[in-house]
Amino acid sequence: MDIRVEDAAFDLGRETNAFATRQAGMGAVVTFTGIVRDLDKGALSAMEIEHYPGMTQKALEAIATEAKTRWNLGDVLVIHRYGRLHPDEMIMMVATSARHRVDAFQAAEFLMDFLKSRAPFWKKEVTQEGAEWVAAKDIDEDALKRW
């Protein structure tokens, strides 16, 4: 299990390849990458992400451990960035491996849903008009109900 919270950009291809090559005996690798998206009106200058390092690391590790207990996984990788990110930059990635694809897909979805709603990150959208904290969305909370 590799859980990282970092400010530097990561190389998606390198991370995916390194993860996949460590998965001896696994039949599936699933990855998901979150990207900072612009606002509908196209005015996002940056997304500022804050966190409490010790608390965040423990929370992400707990979420990944829960995924490993629910599904028959070989390994889990979670990378989540913090700091000032701009539209089209990668903000996070999840990778899971399993002998069978269903476990890998379901675990990846579980991780993404819980990272979106329960990971202790605070996000602020910065535009030319100012900055505003991102509020929790009902759709994200509803996604947790299936788990």
C-alpha atoms as a PDB file:
ATOM      1  CA  MET A   1       0.000   0.000   0.000  1.00  0.00           C
ATOM      2  CA  ASP A   2       1.455   3.335  -1.084  1.00  0.00           C
ATOM      3  CA  ILE A   3      -0.344   6.457   0.162  1.00  0.00           C
ATOM      4  CA  ARG A   4       1.180   9.845  -0.645  1.00  0.00           C
ATOM      5  CA  VAL A   5       0.095  13.408   0.008  1.00  0.00           C
ATOM      6  CA  GLU A   6       2.423  15.772  -1.814  1.00  0.00           C
ATOM      7  CA  ASP A   7       2.642  19.201  -3.334  1.00  0.00           C
ATOM      8  CA  ALA A   8       4.684  18.256  -6.407  1.00  0.00           C
ATOM      9  CA  ALA A   9       3.135  17.162  -9.678  1.00  0.00           C
ATOM     10  CA  PHE A  10       3.344  13.448 -10.422  1.00  0.00           C
ATOM     11  CA  ASP A  11       4.017  11.682 -13.704  1.00  0.00           C
ATOM     12  CA  LEU A  12       0.886   9.633 -14.388  1.00  0.00           C
ATOM     13  CA  GLY A  13       2.562   7.342 -16.914  1.00  0.00           C
ATOM     14  CA  ARG A  14       5.520   6.621 -14.674  1.00  0.00           C
ATOM     15  CA  GLU A  15       3.334   6.040 -11.601  1.00  0.00           C
ATOM     16  CA  THR A  16       0.952   3.750 -13.491  1.00  0.00           C
ATOM     17  CA  ASN A  17       3.752   1.768 -15.082  1.00  0.00           C
ATOM     18  CA  ALA A  18       5.649   1.390 -11.801  1.00  0.00           C
ATOM     19  CA  PHE A  19       2.484   0.256 -10.018  1.00  0.00           C
ATOM     20  CA  ALA A  20       1.520  -2.209 -12.757  1.00  0.00           C
ATOM     21  CA  THR A  21       4.964  -3.810 -12.954  1.00  0.00           C
ATOM     22  CA  ARG A  22       4.847  -4.603  -9.210  1.00  0.00           C
ATOM     23  CA  GLN A  23       1.614  -6.586  -9.531  1.00  0.00           C
ATOM     24  CA  ALA A  24       2.885 -10.141 -10.052  1.00  0.00           C
ATOM     25  CA  GLY A  25       0.034 -12.641 -10.188  1.00  0.00           C
ATOM     26  CA  MET A  26      -2.673  -9.999 -10.524  1.00  0.00           C
ATOM     27  CA  GLY A  27      -5.099 -10.054 -13.445  1.00  0.00           C
ATOM     28  CA  ALA A  28      -6.259  -6.437 -13.322  1.00  0.00           C
ATOM     29  CA  VAL A  29      -4.973  -2.950 -12.645  1.00  0.00           C
ATOM     30  CA  VAL A  30      -7.466  -0.092 -12.493  1.00  0.00           C
ATOM     31  CA  THR A  31      -6.441   3.556 -12.331  1.00  0.00           C
ATOM     32  CA  PHE A  32      -8.322   6.797 -11.945  1.00  0.00           C
ATOM     33  CA  THR A  33      -6.889  10.276 -12.235  1.00  0.00           C
ATOM     34  CA  GLY A  34      -8.633  13.398 -10.978  1.00  0.00           C
ATOM     35  CA  ILE A  35      -7.932  16.625 -12.853  1.00  0.00           C
ATOM     36  CA  VAL A  36      -8.641  20.197 -11.743  1.00  0.00           C
ATOM     37  CA  ARG A  37     -11.531  21.262 -13.938  1.00  0.00           C
ATOM     38  CA  ASP A  38     -12.382  24.808 -14.830  1.00  0.00           C
ATOM     39  CA  LEU A  39     -15.632  26.347 -13.655  1.00  0.00           C
ATOM     40  CA  ASP A  40     -18.587  26.263 -16.047  1.00  0.00           C
ATOM     41  CA  LYS A  41     -18.036  29.927 -16.783  1.00  0.00           C
ATOM     42  CA  GLY A  42     -14.329  29.311 -17.430  1.00  0.00           C
ATOM     43  CA  ALA A  43     -13.075  31.643 -14.737  1.00  0.00           C
ATOM     44  CA  LEU A  44     -10.988  29.411 -12.445  1.00  0.00           C
ATOM     45  CA  SER A  45      -7.492  30.782 -11.907  1.00  0.00           C
ATOM     46  CA  ALA A  46      -6.470  28.120  -9.390  1.00  0.00           C
ATOM     47  CA  MET A  47      -7.651  25.586  -6.847  1.00  0.00           C
ATOM     48  CA  GLU A  48      -5.976  25.913  -3.461  1.00  0.00           C
ATOM     49  CA  ILE A  49      -5.967  22.699  -1.432  1.00  0.00           C
ATOM     50  CA  GLU A  50      -5.145  22.668   2.263  1.00  0.00           C
ATOM     51  CA  HIS A  51      -4.808  19.803   4.747  1.00  0.00           C
ATOM     52  CA  TYR A  52      -3.369  18.769   8.112  1.00  0.00           C
ATOM     53  CA  PRO A  53      -0.492  16.425   7.208  1.00  0.00           C
ATOM     54  CA  GLY A  54      -0.662  13.817   9.989  1.00  0.00           C
ATOM     55  CA  MET A  55      -4.442  13.730  10.006  1.00  0.00           C
ATOM     56  CA  THR A  56      -4.716  13.489   6.229  1.00  0.00           C
ATOM     57  CA  GLN A  57      -2.156  10.699   5.908  1.00  0.00           C
ATOM     58  CA  LYS A  58      -3.915   8.623   8.589  1.00  0.00           C
ATOM     59  CA  ALA A  59      -7.337   9.180   7.012  1.00  0.00           C
ATOM     60  CA  LEU A  60      -6.145   8.112   3.553  1.00  0.00           C
ATOM     61  CA  GLU A  61      -4.413   5.064   5.001  1.00  0.00           C
ATOM     62  CA  ALA A  62      -7.627   4.108   6.827  1.00  0.00           C
ATOM     63  CA  ILE A  63      -9.679   4.426   3.633  1.00  0.00           C
ATOM     64  CA  ALA A  64      -7.165   2.284   1.702  1.00  0.00           C
ATOM     65  CA  THR A  65      -7.047  -0.316   4.489  1.00  0.00           C
ATOM     66  CA  GLU A  66     -10.855  -0.505   4.427  1.00  0.00           C
ATOM     67  CA  ALA A  67     -10.752  -1.126   0.662  1.00  0.00           C
ATOM     68  CA  LYS A  68      -8.252  -3.945   1.176  1.00  0.00           C
ATOM     69  CA  THR A  69     -10.526  -5.593   3.746  1.00  0.00           C
ATOM     70  CA  ARG A  70     -13.617  -5.355   1.523  1.00  0.00           C
ATOM     71  CA  TRP A  71     -12.052  -6.611  -1.727  1.00  0.00           C
ATOM     72  CA  ASN A  72      -9.396  -9.145  -2.600  1.00  0.00           C
ATOM     73  CA  LEU A  73      -6.727  -6.669  -3.663  1.00  0.00           C
ATOM     74  CA  GLY A  74      -3.089  -7.097  -4.423  1.00  0.00           C
ATOM     75  CA  ASP A  75      -2.129  -3.477  -3.829  1.00  0.00           C
ATOM     76  CA  VAL A  76      -3.390   0.099  -3.571  1.00  0.00           C
ATOM     77  CA  LEU A  77      -1.802   3.388  -4.599  1.00  0.00           C
ATOM     78  CA  VAL A  78      -3.252   6.772  -3.662  1.00  0.00           C
ATOM     79  CA  ILE A  79      -1.567  10.051  -4.546  1.00  0.00           C
ATOM     80  CA  HIS A  80      -3.284  13.312  -3.596  1.00  0.00           C
ATOM     81  CA  ARG A  81      -1.768  16.729  -4.143  1.00  0.00           C
ATOM     82  CA  TYR A  82      -2.156  19.889  -2.112  1.00  0.00           C
ATOM     83  CA  GLY A  83      -1.160  23.495  -2.657  1.00  0.00           C
ATOM     84  CA  ARG A  84      -2.049  25.751  -5.570  1.00  0.00           C
ATOM     85  CA  LEU A  85      -3.137  23.848  -8.665  1.00  0.00           C
ATOM     86  CA  HIS A  86      -4.389  25.196 -11.973  1.00  0.00           C
ATOM     87  CA  PRO A  87      -7.054  23.931 -14.373  1.00  0.00           C
ATOM     88  CA  ASP A  88      -6.007  20.758 -16.231  1.00  0.00           C
ATOM     89  CA  GLU A  89      -3.412  19.785 -13.611  1.00  0.00           C
ATOM     90  CA  MET A  90      -3.667  16.348 -12.045  1.00  0.00           C
ATOM     91  CA  ILE A  91      -4.905  16.550  -8.477  1.00  0.00           C
ATOM     92  CA  MET A  92      -4.975  12.863  -7.509  1.00  0.00           C
ATOM     93  CA  MET A  93      -4.748   9.293  -8.660  1.00  0.00           C
ATOM     94  CA  VAL A  94      -5.917   5.948  -7.382  1.00  0.00           C
ATOM     95  CA  ALA A  95      -4.643   2.577  -8.563  1.00  0.00           C
ATOM     96  CA  THR A  96      -5.807  -0.832  -7.447  1.00  0.00           C
ATOM     97  CA  SER A  97      -4.770  -4.326  -8.441  1.00  0.00           C
ATOM     98  CA  ALA A  98      -6.595  -7.600  -8.016  1.00  0.00           C
ATOM     99  CA  ARG A  99      -6.686 -11.074  -9.493  1.00  0.00           C
ATOM    100  CA  HIS A 100     -10.087 -10.198 -10.987  1.00  0.00           C
ATOM    101  CA  ARG A 101     -11.265  -6.934 -12.515  1.00  0.00           C
ATOM    102  CA  VAL A 102     -14.478  -6.617 -10.482  1.00  0.00           C
ATOM    103  CA  ASP A 103     -12.526  -6.310  -7.227  1.00  0.00           C
ATOM    104  CA  ALA A 104     -10.112  -3.788  -8.764  1.00  0.00           C
ATOM    105  CA  PHE A 105     -12.910  -1.637 -10.237  1.00  0.00           C
ATOM    106  CA  GLN A 106     -15.120  -1.693  -7.147  1.00  0.00           C
ATOM    107  CA  ALA A 107     -12.247  -0.909  -4.799  1.00  0.00           C
ATOM    108  CA  ALA A 108     -11.132   1.982  -7.006  1.00  0.00           C
ATOM    109  CA  GLU A 109     -14.673   3.406  -7.049  1.00  0.00           C
ATOM    110  CA  PHE A 110     -14.948   3.016  -3.279  1.00  0.00           C
ATOM    111  CA  LEU A 111     -11.641   4.841  -2.794  1.00  0.00           C
ATOM    112  CA  MET A 112     -12.628   7.658  -5.133  1.00  0.00           C
ATOM    113  CA  ASP A 113     -16.007   8.144  -3.463  1.00  0.00           C
ATOM    114  CA  PHE A 114     -14.509   8.231   0.029  1.00  0.00           C
ATOM    115  CA  LEU A 115     -11.587  10.439  -1.009  1.00  0.00           C
ATOM    116  CA  LYS A 116     -14.019  12.929  -2.529  1.00  0.00           C
ATOM    117  CA  SER A 117     -16.254  13.119   0.532  1.00  0.00           C
ATOM    118  CA  ARG A 118     -14.282  12.043   3.589  1.00  0.00           C
ATOM    119  CA  ALA A 119     -10.615  12.827   3.033  1.00  0.00           C
ATOM    120  CA  PRO A 120      -9.668  15.881   5.107  1.00  0.00           C
ATOM    121  CA  PHE A 121      -8.804  18.302   2.333  1.00  0.00           C
ATOM    122  CA  TRP A 122     -10.191  21.816   2.074  1.00  0.00           C
ATOM    123  CA  LYS A 123     -10.486  23.295  -1.405  1.00  0.00           C
ATOM    124  CA  LYS A 124     -10.780  26.912  -2.371  1.00  0.00           C
ATOM    125  CA  GLU A 125     -11.625  28.076  -5.896  1.00  0.00           C
ATOM    126  CA  VAL A 126      -9.735  31.210  -6.884  1.00  0.00           C
ATOM    127  CA  THR A 127     -11.083  33.465  -9.646  1.00  0.00           C
ATOM    128  CA  GLN A 128     -10.447  37.055 -10.673  1.00  0.00           C
ATOM    129  CA  GLU A 129     -13.466  38.005  -8.558  1.00  0.00           C
ATOM    130  CA  GLY A 130     -11.999  36.458  -5.405  1.00  0.00           C
ATOM    131  CA  ALA A 131     -11.830  33.114  -3.630  1.00  0.00           C
ATOM    132  CA  GLU A 132     -14.526  30.808  -2.325  1.00  0.00           C
ATOM    133  CA  TRP A 133     -14.336  27.564  -0.328  1.00  0.00           C
ATOM    134  CA  VAL A 134     -15.829  24.560  -2.105  1.00  0.00           C
ATOM    135  CA  ALA A 135     -18.869  23.202  -0.256  1.00  0.00           C
ATOM    136  CA  ALA A 136     -19.719  19.520   0.024  1.00  0.00           C
ATOM    137  CA  LYS A 137     -22.142  18.343  -2.640  1.00  0.00           C
ATOM    138  CA  ASP A 138     -25.179  16.165  -2.054  1.00  0.00           C
ATOM    139  CA  ILE A 139     -24.283  14.018  -5.070  1.00  0.00           C
ATOM    140  CA  ASP A 140     -20.932  13.136  -3.480  1.00  0.00           C
ATOM    141  CA  GLU A 141     -22.595  12.253  -0.184  1.00  0.00           C
ATOM    142  CA  ASP A 142     -25.180  10.149  -2.017  1.00  0.00           C
ATOM    143  CA  ALA A 143     -22.408   8.185  -3.725  1.00  0.00           C
ATOM    144  CA  LEU A 144     -21.256   6.925  -0.310  1.00  0.00           C
ATOM    145  CA  LYS A 145     -24.608   5.285   0.398  1.00  0.00           C
ATOM    146  CA  ARG A 146     -23.910   2.388  -1.946  1.00  0.00           C
ATOM    147  CA  TRP A 147     -20.945   1.283   0.160  1.00  0.00           C
END
